[in-house]
Amino acid sequence: MIFSKDRIKAILFDYGNTLIEFGPSQIKVQYATLEKELRRMFGYCNSSHLKDIRDRQALAPFTSGFRENDLKSITEELIREIYNVVPKESQINALIQARYKSFVNVVKLSSDVLQLLKRVNKRYRLGLVSNYPCSRSIQHSLMKLGLSDVLEAVVISGDVGYVKPHAKPFEAILNLLSLRPEECVYVGDNWLADVQGAKRMGMYSILIEQYTPYESFDPVNGDHNPDVTIKNLNELEELLLR
């Protein structure tokens, strides 16, 4: 399928490291917040041990059939592995709340990006498909940043039960927009989740290399190539509007 902007009716975006930066520095803040809350509830917390567990949990969906993590289960697992105790439900919920607040507080959006999306929205419908187990964190951060006003449809892996590149998140956004895959272009930074997921669905794919991702996946034999690679989100205006 040859890339043609004339066929495109909707632009679909990844969230972290596409519309916003969510790389090593933001993850570091989130892990520090978790450590502080764990210390408050249980005492000393080995930060390296915490990081190792969280990094493993973040990658787990990609080795388990792309099933998304259950937020309560991985929070309980984290406490059990660090402290060798069975946590109370109130303690699990407190850690989930700390994680939620940390995410919403740490994400930032350039005013240039919001204005760009408003201009692009005059011609294209806009949607978002994000991998994240906590739907509330994504939805509330979108409202905080003003993105809810320009995104017609939002799909979060925590609601669907599967992470990109699994077909289900992409099918969900297509159903919400009542569009065919070939009528959509997907913009994302992750080679496996975004590029391969979108191309396998039959969408156009734009790979963005603006930010440093926290985790990355190398190409393997048989992978699809993106239709376009860009260095900055602002390049979309030249690519799709002019």
C-alpha atoms as a PDB file:
ATOM      1  CA  MET A   1       0.000   0.000   0.000  1.00  0.00           C
ATOM      2  CA  ILE A   2       1.573   3.242  -1.186  1.00  0.00           C
ATOM      3  CA  PHE A   3       1.335   6.097   1.291  1.00  0.00           C
ATOM      4  CA  SER A   4      -1.284   8.623   0.148  1.00  0.00           C
ATOM      5  CA  LYS A   5      -2.606  11.373   2.384  1.00  0.00           C
ATOM      6  CA  ASP A   6      -5.665  11.670   0.154  1.00  0.00           C
ATOM      7  CA  ARG A   7      -6.941   8.319   1.442  1.00  0.00           C
ATOM      8  CA  ILE A   8      -6.478   9.215   5.107  1.00  0.00           C
ATOM      9  CA  LYS A   9      -9.476  10.257   7.201  1.00  0.00           C
ATOM     10  CA  ALA A  10      -8.008   9.908  10.689  1.00  0.00           C
ATOM     11  CA  ILE A  11      -4.649  10.313  12.398  1.00  0.00           C
ATOM     12  CA  LEU A  12      -4.175   7.999  15.352  1.00  0.00           C
ATOM     13  CA  PHE A  13      -1.485   8.679  17.921  1.00  0.00           C
ATOM     14  CA  ASP A  14       0.485   6.828  20.518  1.00  0.00           C
ATOM     15  CA  TYR A  15       0.759   8.829  23.761  1.00  0.00           C
ATOM     16  CA  GLY A  16       4.079   8.486  25.580  1.00  0.00           C
ATOM     17  CA  ASN A  17       7.091   9.680  23.542  1.00  0.00           C
ATOM     18  CA  THR A  18       4.783  10.709  20.719  1.00  0.00           C
ATOM     19  CA  LEU A  19       2.446  13.451  21.949  1.00  0.00           C
ATOM     20  CA  ILE A  20       4.267  13.798  25.272  1.00  0.00           C
ATOM     21  CA  GLU A  21       7.675  12.844  26.577  1.00  0.00           C
ATOM     22  CA  PHE A  22       7.548   9.805  28.853  1.00  0.00           C
ATOM     23  CA  GLY A  23      11.068   8.467  28.901  1.00  0.00           C
ATOM     24  CA  PRO A  24      13.804   7.787  31.457  1.00  0.00           C
ATOM     25  CA  SER A  25      13.439  11.072  33.372  1.00  0.00           C
ATOM     26  CA  GLN A  26       9.653  10.710  33.803  1.00  0.00           C
ATOM     27  CA  ILE A  27       9.961   7.028  34.743  1.00  0.00           C
ATOM     28  CA  LYS A  28      12.610   7.967  37.311  1.00  0.00           C
ATOM     29  CA  VAL A  29      10.167  10.374  38.975  1.00  0.00           C
ATOM     30  CA  GLN A  30       7.447   7.736  39.013  1.00  0.00           C
ATOM     31  CA  TYR A  31       9.728   5.114  40.549  1.00  0.00           C
ATOM     32  CA  ALA A  32      10.875   7.604  43.195  1.00  0.00           C
ATOM     33  CA  THR A  33       7.240   8.258  44.092  1.00  0.00           C
ATOM     34  CA  LEU A  34       6.562   4.542  44.455  1.00  0.00           C
ATOM     35  CA  GLU A  35       9.656   4.138  46.617  1.00  0.00           C
ATOM     36  CA  LYS A  36       8.593   6.995  48.895  1.00  0.00           C
ATOM     37  CA  GLU A  37       5.134   5.488  49.379  1.00  0.00           C
ATOM     38  CA  LEU A  38       6.557   2.020  49.999  1.00  0.00           C
ATOM     39  CA  ARG A  39       8.950   3.394  52.617  1.00  0.00           C
ATOM     40  CA  ARG A  40       6.061   5.153  54.318  1.00  0.00           C
ATOM     41  CA  MET A  41       4.033   1.953  54.550  1.00  0.00           C
ATOM     42  CA  PHE A  42       6.658  -0.749  55.008  1.00  0.00           C
ATOM     43  CA  GLY A  43      10.050   0.781  55.765  1.00  0.00           C
ATOM     44  CA  TYR A  44      13.328   0.596  53.861  1.00  0.00           C
ATOM     45  CA  CYS A  45      13.022  -0.033  50.122  1.00  0.00           C
ATOM     46  CA  ASN A  46      15.925  -1.026  47.887  1.00  0.00           C
ATOM     47  CA  SER A  47      15.546   1.295  44.888  1.00  0.00           C
ATOM     48  CA  SER A  48      17.480  -1.025  42.560  1.00  0.00           C
ATOM     49  CA  HIS A  49      15.242  -3.945  43.481  1.00  0.00           C
ATOM     50  CA  LEU A  50      12.154  -1.801  42.907  1.00  0.00           C
ATOM     51  CA  LYS A  51      13.434  -0.722  39.498  1.00  0.00           C
ATOM     52  CA  ASP A  52      14.242  -4.296  38.467  1.00  0.00           C
ATOM     53  CA  ILE A  53      10.736  -5.489  39.347  1.00  0.00           C
ATOM     54  CA  ARG A  54       8.990  -2.571  37.638  1.00  0.00           C
ATOM     55  CA  ASP A  55      11.106  -2.900  34.499  1.00  0.00           C
ATOM     56  CA  ARG A  56      10.277  -6.599  34.339  1.00  0.00           C
ATOM     57  CA  GLN A  57       6.574  -5.917  34.836  1.00  0.00           C
ATOM     58  CA  ALA A  58       6.559  -3.261  32.106  1.00  0.00           C
ATOM     59  CA  LEU A  59       7.945  -5.754  29.580  1.00  0.00           C
ATOM     60  CA  ALA A  60       5.859  -8.723  30.727  1.00  0.00           C
ATOM     61  CA  PRO A  61       2.940  -8.162  28.295  1.00  0.00           C
ATOM     62  CA  PHE A  62       5.303  -8.568  25.345  1.00  0.00           C
ATOM     63  CA  THR A  63       6.171 -12.114  26.425  1.00  0.00           C
ATOM     64  CA  SER A  64       2.696 -13.233  27.508  1.00  0.00           C
ATOM     65  CA  GLY A  65       0.663 -13.004  24.330  1.00  0.00           C
ATOM     66  CA  PHE A  66       0.439  -9.213  24.672  1.00  0.00           C
ATOM     67  CA  ARG A  67      -1.993  -9.467  27.589  1.00  0.00           C
ATOM     68  CA  GLU A  68      -1.968  -6.234  29.573  1.00  0.00           C
ATOM     69  CA  ASN A  69      -0.935  -6.318  33.220  1.00  0.00           C
ATOM     70  CA  ASP A  70      -3.652  -6.264  35.848  1.00  0.00           C
ATOM     71  CA  LEU A  71      -2.865  -3.174  37.908  1.00  0.00           C
ATOM     72  CA  LYS A  72      -3.826  -4.609  41.287  1.00  0.00           C
ATOM     73  CA  SER A  73      -2.000  -7.866  40.622  1.00  0.00           C
ATOM     74  CA  ILE A  74       1.301  -6.249  39.679  1.00  0.00           C
ATOM     75  CA  THR A  75       1.046  -3.842  42.619  1.00  0.00           C
ATOM     76  CA  GLU A  76       0.535  -6.724  45.028  1.00  0.00           C
ATOM     77  CA  GLU A  77       3.389  -8.606  43.340  1.00  0.00           C
ATOM     78  CA  LEU A  78       5.679  -5.616  43.813  1.00  0.00           C
ATOM     79  CA  ILE A  79       4.995  -5.427  47.554  1.00  0.00           C
ATOM     80  CA  ARG A  80       5.290  -9.181  48.048  1.00  0.00           C
ATOM     81  CA  GLU A  81       8.647  -9.383  46.266  1.00  0.00           C
ATOM     82  CA  ILE A  82      10.211  -6.446  48.096  1.00  0.00           C
ATOM     83  CA  TYR A  83       8.899  -7.075  51.599  1.00  0.00           C
ATOM     84  CA  ASN A  84       7.823 -10.738  51.605  1.00  0.00           C
ATOM     85  CA  VAL A  85       4.437  -9.830  53.072  1.00  0.00           C
ATOM     86  CA  VAL A  86       0.832 -10.189  51.946  1.00  0.00           C
ATOM     87  CA  PRO A  87      -0.341  -6.585  51.554  1.00  0.00           C
ATOM     88  CA  LYS A  88      -3.716  -5.324  52.662  1.00  0.00           C
ATOM     89  CA  GLU A  89      -6.075  -4.086  49.981  1.00  0.00           C
ATOM     90  CA  SER A  90      -5.786  -0.582  51.439  1.00  0.00           C
ATOM     91  CA  GLN A  91      -2.012  -0.704  50.960  1.00  0.00           C
ATOM     92  CA  ILE A  92      -2.363  -1.878  47.360  1.00  0.00           C
ATOM     93  CA  ASN A  93      -4.845   0.915  46.658  1.00  0.00           C
ATOM     94  CA  ALA A  94      -2.573   3.505  48.285  1.00  0.00           C
ATOM     95  CA  LEU A  95       0.316   2.518  46.030  1.00  0.00           C
ATOM     96  CA  ILE A  96      -1.923   2.587  42.945  1.00  0.00           C
ATOM     97  CA  GLN A  97      -3.105   6.062  43.946  1.00  0.00           C
ATOM     98  CA  ALA A  98       0.483   7.263  44.358  1.00  0.00           C
ATOM     99  CA  ARG A  99       1.343   5.909  40.924  1.00  0.00           C
ATOM    100  CA  TYR A 100      -1.713   7.590  39.394  1.00  0.00           C
ATOM    101  CA  LYS A 101      -0.911  10.983  40.927  1.00  0.00           C
ATOM    102  CA  SER A 102       2.714  10.719  39.868  1.00  0.00           C
ATOM    103  CA  PHE A 103       1.778  10.045  36.260  1.00  0.00           C
ATOM    104  CA  VAL A 104      -0.720  12.884  36.010  1.00  0.00           C
ATOM    105  CA  ASN A 105       1.689  15.313  37.665  1.00  0.00           C
ATOM    106  CA  VAL A 106       4.769  14.403  35.626  1.00  0.00           C
ATOM    107  CA  VAL A 107       3.348  14.558  32.092  1.00  0.00           C
ATOM    108  CA  LYS A 108       3.689  17.846  30.215  1.00  0.00           C
ATOM    109  CA  LEU A 109       2.517  19.007  26.808  1.00  0.00           C
ATOM    110  CA  SER A 110       4.104  21.617  24.628  1.00  0.00           C
ATOM    111  CA  SER A 111       1.670  24.348  23.640  1.00  0.00           C
ATOM    112  CA  ASP A 112       3.002  23.942  20.099  1.00  0.00           C
ATOM    113  CA  VAL A 113       1.747  20.339  20.035  1.00  0.00           C
ATOM    114  CA  LEU A 114      -1.766  21.285  21.127  1.00  0.00           C
ATOM    115  CA  GLN A 115      -1.959  24.031  18.513  1.00  0.00           C
ATOM    116  CA  LEU A 116      -0.641  21.642  15.865  1.00  0.00           C
ATOM    117  CA  LEU A 117      -3.321  19.096  16.707  1.00  0.00           C
ATOM    118  CA  LYS A 118      -6.018  21.761  16.505  1.00  0.00           C
ATOM    119  CA  ARG A 119      -4.851  22.708  13.014  1.00  0.00           C
ATOM    120  CA  VAL A 120      -4.613  19.100  11.873  1.00  0.00           C
ATOM    121  CA  ASN A 121      -8.042  18.406  13.366  1.00  0.00           C
ATOM    122  CA  LYS A 122      -9.616  20.780  10.864  1.00  0.00           C
ATOM    123  CA  ARG A 123      -8.911  18.221   8.155  1.00  0.00           C
ATOM    124  CA  TYR A 124      -8.539  14.880   9.949  1.00  0.00           C
ATOM    125  CA  ARG A 125     -10.281  13.079  12.773  1.00  0.00           C
ATOM    126  CA  LEU A 126      -7.926  12.379  15.674  1.00  0.00           C
ATOM    127  CA  GLY A 127      -7.658   9.410  18.016  1.00  0.00           C
ATOM    128  CA  LEU A 128      -5.278   7.909  20.538  1.00  0.00           C
ATOM    129  CA  VAL A 129      -4.262   4.325  21.311  1.00  0.00           C
ATOM    130  CA  SER A 130      -2.019   3.947  24.356  1.00  0.00           C
ATOM    131  CA  ASN A 131      -0.380   1.054  26.165  1.00  0.00           C
ATOM    132  CA  TYR A 132      -0.852   1.605  29.896  1.00  0.00           C
ATOM    133  CA  PRO A 133      -2.515  -0.543  32.572  1.00  0.00           C
ATOM    134  CA  CYS A 134      -4.107   2.394  34.415  1.00  0.00           C
ATOM    135  CA  SER A 135      -6.826   3.885  32.230  1.00  0.00           C
ATOM    136  CA  ARG A 136      -7.654   6.572  34.797  1.00  0.00           C
ATOM    137  CA  SER A 137      -4.100   7.952  34.623  1.00  0.00           C
ATOM    138  CA  ILE A 138      -4.298   8.396  30.858  1.00  0.00           C
ATOM    139  CA  GLN A 139      -7.818   9.821  30.773  1.00  0.00           C
ATOM    140  CA  HIS A 140      -7.205  12.348  33.545  1.00  0.00           C
ATOM    141  CA  SER A 141      -3.869  13.445  32.109  1.00  0.00           C
ATOM    142  CA  LEU A 142      -5.519  14.004  28.715  1.00  0.00           C
ATOM    143  CA  MET A 143      -8.060  16.278  30.387  1.00  0.00           C
ATOM    144  CA  LYS A 144      -5.334  18.101  32.310  1.00  0.00           C
ATOM    145  CA  LEU A 145      -3.342  18.755  29.131  1.00  0.00           C
ATOM    146  CA  GLY A 146      -6.342  19.819  27.040  1.00  0.00           C
ATOM    147  CA  LEU A 147      -6.005  16.862  24.679  1.00  0.00           C
ATOM    148  CA  SER A 148      -9.490  15.537  25.390  1.00  0.00           C
ATOM    149  CA  ASP A 149     -10.865  18.464  23.408  1.00  0.00           C
ATOM    150  CA  VAL A 150      -9.205  17.365  20.143  1.00  0.00           C
ATOM    151  CA  LEU A 151      -9.210  13.570  20.460  1.00  0.00           C
ATOM    152  CA  GLU A 152     -12.429  12.068  19.167  1.00  0.00           C
ATOM    153  CA  ALA A 153     -11.682   8.551  20.409  1.00  0.00           C
ATOM    154  CA  VAL A 154      -9.299   7.122  23.015  1.00  0.00           C
ATOM    155  CA  VAL A 155      -8.387   3.470  23.543  1.00  0.00           C
ATOM    156  CA  ILE A 156      -6.212   2.350  26.464  1.00  0.00           C
ATOM    157  CA  SER A 157      -4.772  -1.128  26.803  1.00  0.00           C
ATOM    158  CA  GLY A 158      -5.846  -1.301  30.443  1.00  0.00           C
ATOM    159  CA  ASP A 159      -9.466  -1.208  29.262  1.00  0.00           C
ATOM    160  CA  VAL A 160      -9.021  -3.568  26.308  1.00  0.00           C
ATOM    161  CA  GLY A 161      -6.925  -6.159  28.128  1.00  0.00           C
ATOM    162  CA  TYR A 162      -4.235  -6.337  25.449  1.00  0.00           C
ATOM    163  CA  VAL A 163      -1.309  -4.105  24.514  1.00  0.00           C
ATOM    164  CA  LYS A 164      -0.194  -3.027  21.078  1.00  0.00           C
ATOM    165  CA  PRO A 165       0.890  -4.633  18.754  1.00  0.00           C
ATOM    166  CA  HIS A 166      -2.060  -6.953  19.456  1.00  0.00           C
ATOM    167  CA  ALA A 167      -4.930  -6.291  17.084  1.00  0.00           C
ATOM    168  CA  LYS A 168      -7.551  -5.626  19.776  1.00  0.00           C
ATOM    169  CA  PRO A 169      -6.542  -2.024  20.658  1.00  0.00           C
ATOM    170  CA  PHE A 170      -6.472  -1.122  16.968  1.00  0.00           C
ATOM    171  CA  GLU A 171      -9.783  -2.855  16.314  1.00  0.00           C
ATOM    172  CA  ALA A 172     -11.305  -0.921  19.204  1.00  0.00           C
ATOM    173  CA  ILE A 173     -10.295   2.479  17.822  1.00  0.00           C
ATOM    174  CA  LEU A 174     -11.492   1.562  14.327  1.00  0.00           C
ATOM    175  CA  ASN A 175     -14.865   0.525  15.753  1.00  0.00           C
ATOM    176  CA  LEU A 176     -15.181   3.774  17.701  1.00  0.00           C
ATOM    177  CA  LEU A 177     -14.450   5.823  14.586  1.00  0.00           C
ATOM    178  CA  SER A 178     -16.291   3.500  12.141  1.00  0.00           C
ATOM    179  CA  LEU A 179     -13.284   3.559   9.819  1.00  0.00           C
ATOM    180  CA  ARG A 180     -11.310   1.017   7.807  1.00  0.00           C
ATOM    181  CA  PRO A 181      -7.598   0.486   8.529  1.00  0.00           C
ATOM    182  CA  GLU A 182      -6.509   1.954   5.192  1.00  0.00           C
ATOM    183  CA  GLU A 183      -8.283   5.205   6.115  1.00  0.00           C
ATOM    184  CA  CYS A 184      -5.994   5.727   9.103  1.00  0.00           C
ATOM    185  CA  VAL A 185      -2.367   6.624   9.717  1.00  0.00           C
ATOM    186  CA  TYR A 186      -0.823   5.696  13.057  1.00  0.00           C
ATOM    187  CA  VAL A 187       1.929   7.844  14.586  1.00  0.00           C
ATOM    188  CA  GLY A 188       4.127   6.289  17.280  1.00  0.00           C
ATOM    189  CA  ASP A 189       7.662   5.829  18.565  1.00  0.00           C
ATOM    190  CA  ASN A 190       7.742   2.098  19.360  1.00  0.00           C
ATOM    191  CA  TRP A 191       8.999  -0.191  16.586  1.00  0.00           C
ATOM    192  CA  LEU A 192       7.077  -3.235  17.814  1.00  0.00           C
ATOM    193  CA  ALA A 193       3.970  -1.804  19.436  1.00  0.00           C
ATOM    194  CA  ASP A 194       3.302   1.059  17.043  1.00  0.00           C
ATOM    195  CA  VAL A 195       4.901   0.343  13.680  1.00  0.00           C
ATOM    196  CA  GLN A 196       4.316  -3.409  13.554  1.00  0.00           C
ATOM    197  CA  GLY A 197       0.917  -3.159  15.220  1.00  0.00           C
ATOM    198  CA  ALA A 198      -0.378  -0.562  12.788  1.00  0.00           C
ATOM    199  CA  LYS A 199       1.088  -2.162   9.663  1.00  0.00           C
ATOM    200  CA  ARG A 200      -0.262  -5.600  10.565  1.00  0.00           C
ATOM    201  CA  MET A 201      -3.711  -4.026  10.802  1.00  0.00           C
ATOM    202  CA  GLY A 202      -3.368  -2.492   7.355  1.00  0.00           C
ATOM    203  CA  MET A 203      -2.878   1.089   8.523  1.00  0.00           C
ATOM    204  CA  TYR A 204      -0.289   3.556   7.330  1.00  0.00           C
ATOM    205  CA  SER A 205       2.521   4.017   9.829  1.00  0.00           C
ATOM    206  CA  ILE A 206       4.623   7.022  10.806  1.00  0.00           C
ATOM    207  CA  LEU A 207       7.574   6.390  13.119  1.00  0.00           C
ATOM    208  CA  ILE A 208       8.563   9.369  15.271  1.00  0.00           C
ATOM    209  CA  GLU A 209      12.071   9.601  16.721  1.00  0.00           C
ATOM    210  CA  GLN A 210      11.693  12.759  18.807  1.00  0.00           C
ATOM    211  CA  TYR A 211      12.196  11.341  22.299  1.00  0.00           C
ATOM    212  CA  THR A 212      14.293   8.681  24.003  1.00  0.00           C
ATOM    213  CA  PRO A 213      12.010   5.753  24.901  1.00  0.00           C
ATOM    214  CA  TYR A 214      12.414   3.884  28.174  1.00  0.00           C
ATOM    215  CA  GLU A 215      12.256   0.526  26.420  1.00  0.00           C
ATOM    216  CA  SER A 216      12.843  -0.277  22.767  1.00  0.00           C
ATOM    217  CA  PHE A 217      12.509  -3.231  20.417  1.00  0.00           C
ATOM    218  CA  ASP A 218      14.916  -3.959  17.594  1.00  0.00           C
ATOM    219  CA  PRO A 219      13.691  -4.913  14.111  1.00  0.00           C
ATOM    220  CA  VAL A 220      13.613  -8.612  13.260  1.00  0.00           C
ATOM    221  CA  ASN A 221      13.384 -10.430   9.957  1.00  0.00           C
ATOM    222  CA  GLY A 222       9.973 -10.053   8.382  1.00  0.00           C
ATOM    223  CA  ASP A 223       9.108  -6.796  10.114  1.00  0.00           C
ATOM    224  CA  HIS A 224       7.237  -4.066   8.297  1.00  0.00           C
ATOM    225  CA  ASN A 225       8.928  -0.738   7.690  1.00  0.00           C
ATOM    226  CA  PRO A 226       7.114   2.493   8.555  1.00  0.00           C
ATOM    227  CA  ASP A 227       5.723   4.423   5.606  1.00  0.00           C
ATOM    228  CA  VAL A 228       7.382   7.607   6.874  1.00  0.00           C
ATOM    229  CA  THR A 229       9.909   8.425   9.602  1.00  0.00           C
ATOM    230  CA  ILE A 230       9.913  11.865  11.224  1.00  0.00           C
ATOM    231  CA  LYS A 231      12.171  13.511  13.800  1.00  0.00           C
ATOM    232  CA  ASN A 232       9.612  15.932  15.225  1.00  0.00           C
ATOM    233  CA  LEU A 233       5.830  15.963  15.508  1.00  0.00           C
ATOM    234  CA  ASN A 234       5.703  19.322  13.749  1.00  0.00           C
ATOM    235  CA  GLU A 235       6.678  17.548  10.528  1.00  0.00           C
ATOM    236  CA  LEU A 236       3.123  16.211  10.349  1.00  0.00           C
ATOM    237  CA  GLU A 237       1.891  19.588   9.173  1.00  0.00           C
ATOM    238  CA  GLU A 238       4.151  19.562   6.132  1.00  0.00           C
ATOM    239  CA  LEU A 239       3.460  15.887   5.488  1.00  0.00           C
ATOM    240  CA  LEU A 240      -0.333  15.829   5.816  1.00  0.00           C
ATOM    241  CA  LEU A 241      -1.605  19.376   5.355  1.00  0.00           C
ATOM    242  CA  ARG A 242       0.508  20.981   2.653  1.00  0.00           C
END
